[in-house]
Amino acid sequence: MKPQDIIIGLGIAFILAIFISPFASPFLDGLEKVAEQKGFLEKGEEAVLSSPIPDYIWPGVKNEGVATAIAGVAGTVVTFFAAWSLALLLRRSQP
């Protein structure tokens, strides 16, 4: 894959994270909805690890749309570097 393709892909991902993520549905996702209906939503909130970006909103930012966009960009960066690192590890392990 050419570096130009990676840059274009990252650019598209950043645009989506910045401009589309603030319009994400405020309603519970499918798993949370079922947990709420069945009465065990609270048990799922007792996490072993706390989320660095709870509810997809960057902590400390007052504007919810901006906080969601920042969280989207942060998630995109973390996901990209995790995938990049995995690809490098897999490439090294091949003969």
C-alpha atoms as a PDB file:
ATOM      1  CA  MET A   1       0.000   0.000   0.000  1.00  0.00           C
ATOM      2  CA  LYS A   2       1.310   3.415  -0.919  1.00  0.00           C
ATOM      3  CA  PRO A   3       1.825   6.050   1.793  1.00  0.00           C
ATOM      4  CA  GLN A   4      -0.470   8.351  -0.208  1.00  0.00           C
ATOM      5  CA  ASP A   5      -3.315   5.815   0.157  1.00  0.00           C
ATOM      6  CA  ILE A   6      -2.794   5.667   3.913  1.00  0.00           C
ATOM      7  CA  ILE A   7      -2.853   9.471   4.175  1.00  0.00           C
ATOM      8  CA  ILE A   8      -6.032   9.685   2.093  1.00  0.00           C
ATOM      9  CA  GLY A   9      -7.688   6.976   4.210  1.00  0.00           C
ATOM     10  CA  LEU A  10      -6.705   8.697   7.440  1.00  0.00           C
ATOM     11  CA  GLY A  11      -7.954  12.011   6.094  1.00  0.00           C
ATOM     12  CA  ILE A  12     -11.342  10.503   5.284  1.00  0.00           C
ATOM     13  CA  ALA A  13     -11.483   8.861   8.732  1.00  0.00           C
ATOM     14  CA  PHE A  14     -10.667  12.197  10.416  1.00  0.00           C
ATOM     15  CA  ILE A  15     -13.319  14.029   8.384  1.00  0.00           C
ATOM     16  CA  LEU A  16     -15.910  11.435   9.397  1.00  0.00           C
ATOM     17  CA  ALA A  17     -14.796  11.558  13.036  1.00  0.00           C
ATOM     18  CA  ILE A  18     -14.959  15.349  13.169  1.00  0.00           C
ATOM     19  CA  PHE A  19     -18.087  16.077  11.156  1.00  0.00           C
ATOM     20  CA  ILE A  20     -20.241  12.952  11.444  1.00  0.00           C
ATOM     21  CA  SER A  21     -19.629  11.655  14.986  1.00  0.00           C
ATOM     22  CA  PRO A  22     -21.386  14.639  16.654  1.00  0.00           C
ATOM     23  CA  PHE A  23     -24.574  13.460  14.931  1.00  0.00           C
ATOM     24  CA  ALA A  24     -24.422   9.944  16.424  1.00  0.00           C
ATOM     25  CA  SER A  25     -27.634   8.722  17.972  1.00  0.00           C
ATOM     26  CA  PRO A  26     -28.083   9.719  21.623  1.00  0.00           C
ATOM     27  CA  PHE A  27     -30.149   6.575  22.236  1.00  0.00           C
ATOM     28  CA  LEU A  28     -28.816   3.382  23.790  1.00  0.00           C
ATOM     29  CA  ASP A  29     -27.224   0.885  21.433  1.00  0.00           C
ATOM     30  CA  GLY A  30     -28.774  -2.560  20.998  1.00  0.00           C
ATOM     31  CA  LEU A  31     -26.906  -4.277  23.823  1.00  0.00           C
ATOM     32  CA  GLU A  32     -27.567  -1.477  26.299  1.00  0.00           C
ATOM     33  CA  LYS A  33     -31.242  -1.386  25.329  1.00  0.00           C
ATOM     34  CA  VAL A  34     -31.690  -5.112  25.973  1.00  0.00           C
ATOM     35  CA  ALA A  35     -29.757  -4.859  29.256  1.00  0.00           C
ATOM     36  CA  GLU A  36     -32.056  -2.018  30.312  1.00  0.00           C
ATOM     37  CA  GLN A  37     -35.190  -3.976  29.342  1.00  0.00           C
ATOM     38  CA  LYS A  38     -33.994  -7.088  31.182  1.00  0.00           C
ATOM     39  CA  GLY A  39     -32.961  -5.081  34.246  1.00  0.00           C
ATOM     40  CA  PHE A  40     -29.224  -5.722  34.393  1.00  0.00           C
ATOM     41  CA  LEU A  41     -27.810  -2.534  32.864  1.00  0.00           C
ATOM     42  CA  GLU A  42     -26.270  -1.499  36.196  1.00  0.00           C
ATOM     43  CA  LYS A  43     -24.278  -4.735  36.425  1.00  0.00           C
ATOM     44  CA  GLY A  44     -22.594  -3.949  33.108  1.00  0.00           C
ATOM     45  CA  GLU A  45     -21.604  -0.505  34.337  1.00  0.00           C
ATOM     46  CA  GLU A  46     -19.521  -2.040  37.141  1.00  0.00           C
ATOM     47  CA  ALA A  47     -16.414  -2.171  34.978  1.00  0.00           C
ATOM     48  CA  VAL A  48     -13.056  -3.567  35.971  1.00  0.00           C
ATOM     49  CA  LEU A  49     -11.351  -0.835  33.955  1.00  0.00           C
ATOM     50  CA  SER A  50     -12.696   2.652  33.464  1.00  0.00           C
ATOM     51  CA  SER A  51     -13.047   4.076  29.987  1.00  0.00           C
ATOM     52  CA  PRO A  52     -10.606   6.829  29.014  1.00  0.00           C
ATOM     53  CA  ILE A  53     -13.374   8.439  26.943  1.00  0.00           C
ATOM     54  CA  PRO A  54     -16.668   7.631  28.685  1.00  0.00           C
ATOM     55  CA  ASP A  55     -19.783   7.725  26.475  1.00  0.00           C
ATOM     56  CA  TYR A  56     -17.644   8.845  23.503  1.00  0.00           C
ATOM     57  CA  ILE A  57     -17.370  12.387  24.890  1.00  0.00           C
ATOM     58  CA  TRP A  58     -13.947  13.914  25.603  1.00  0.00           C
ATOM     59  CA  PRO A  59     -13.827  14.830  29.312  1.00  0.00           C
ATOM     60  CA  GLY A  60     -13.569  18.491  30.232  1.00  0.00           C
ATOM     61  CA  VAL A  61     -15.008  19.915  26.987  1.00  0.00           C
ATOM     62  CA  LYS A  62     -18.286  21.724  27.601  1.00  0.00           C
ATOM     63  CA  ASN A  63     -19.648  21.632  24.038  1.00  0.00           C
ATOM     64  CA  GLU A  64     -20.968  18.076  23.528  1.00  0.00           C
ATOM     65  CA  GLY A  65     -20.553  18.148  19.723  1.00  0.00           C
ATOM     66  CA  VAL A  66     -16.922  19.256  19.966  1.00  0.00           C
ATOM     67  CA  ALA A  67     -16.253  16.739  22.777  1.00  0.00           C
ATOM     68  CA  THR A  68     -17.644  13.932  20.589  1.00  0.00           C
ATOM     69  CA  ALA A  69     -15.572  15.050  17.596  1.00  0.00           C
ATOM     70  CA  ILE A  70     -12.392  15.104  19.687  1.00  0.00           C
ATOM     71  CA  ALA A  71     -13.198  11.637  21.038  1.00  0.00           C
ATOM     72  CA  GLY A  72     -13.740  10.443  17.453  1.00  0.00           C
ATOM     73  CA  VAL A  73     -10.362  11.784  16.341  1.00  0.00           C
ATOM     74  CA  ALA A  74      -8.648  10.255  19.391  1.00  0.00           C
ATOM     75  CA  GLY A  75     -10.288   6.906  18.686  1.00  0.00           C
ATOM     76  CA  THR A  76      -9.230   7.082  15.041  1.00  0.00           C
ATOM     77  CA  VAL A  77      -5.612   7.785  16.007  1.00  0.00           C
ATOM     78  CA  VAL A  78      -5.504   4.967  18.584  1.00  0.00           C
ATOM     79  CA  THR A  79      -7.106   2.494  16.175  1.00  0.00           C
ATOM     80  CA  PHE A  80      -4.747   3.472  13.358  1.00  0.00           C
ATOM     81  CA  PHE A  81      -1.618   3.043  15.471  1.00  0.00           C
ATOM     82  CA  ALA A  82      -2.859  -0.254  16.919  1.00  0.00           C
ATOM     83  CA  ALA A  83      -3.524  -1.616  13.420  1.00  0.00           C
ATOM     84  CA  TRP A  84      -0.214  -0.231  12.119  1.00  0.00           C
ATOM     85  CA  SER A  85       1.703  -1.848  14.991  1.00  0.00           C
ATOM     86  CA  LEU A  86      -0.040  -5.180  14.444  1.00  0.00           C
ATOM     87  CA  ALA A  87       0.743  -5.031  10.728  1.00  0.00           C
ATOM     88  CA  LEU A  88       4.430  -4.367  11.480  1.00  0.00           C
ATOM     89  CA  LEU A  89       4.556  -7.280  13.925  1.00  0.00           C
ATOM     90  CA  LEU A  90       2.897  -9.647  11.462  1.00  0.00           C
ATOM     91  CA  ARG A  91       5.174  -8.537   8.640  1.00  0.00           C
ATOM     92  CA  ARG A  92       8.294  -9.191  10.746  1.00  0.00           C
ATOM     93  CA  SER A  93       7.133 -12.673  11.744  1.00  0.00           C
ATOM     94  CA  GLN A  94       6.805 -13.876   8.143  1.00  0.00           C
ATOM     95  CA  PRO A  95       9.869 -15.645   6.662  1.00  0.00           C
END
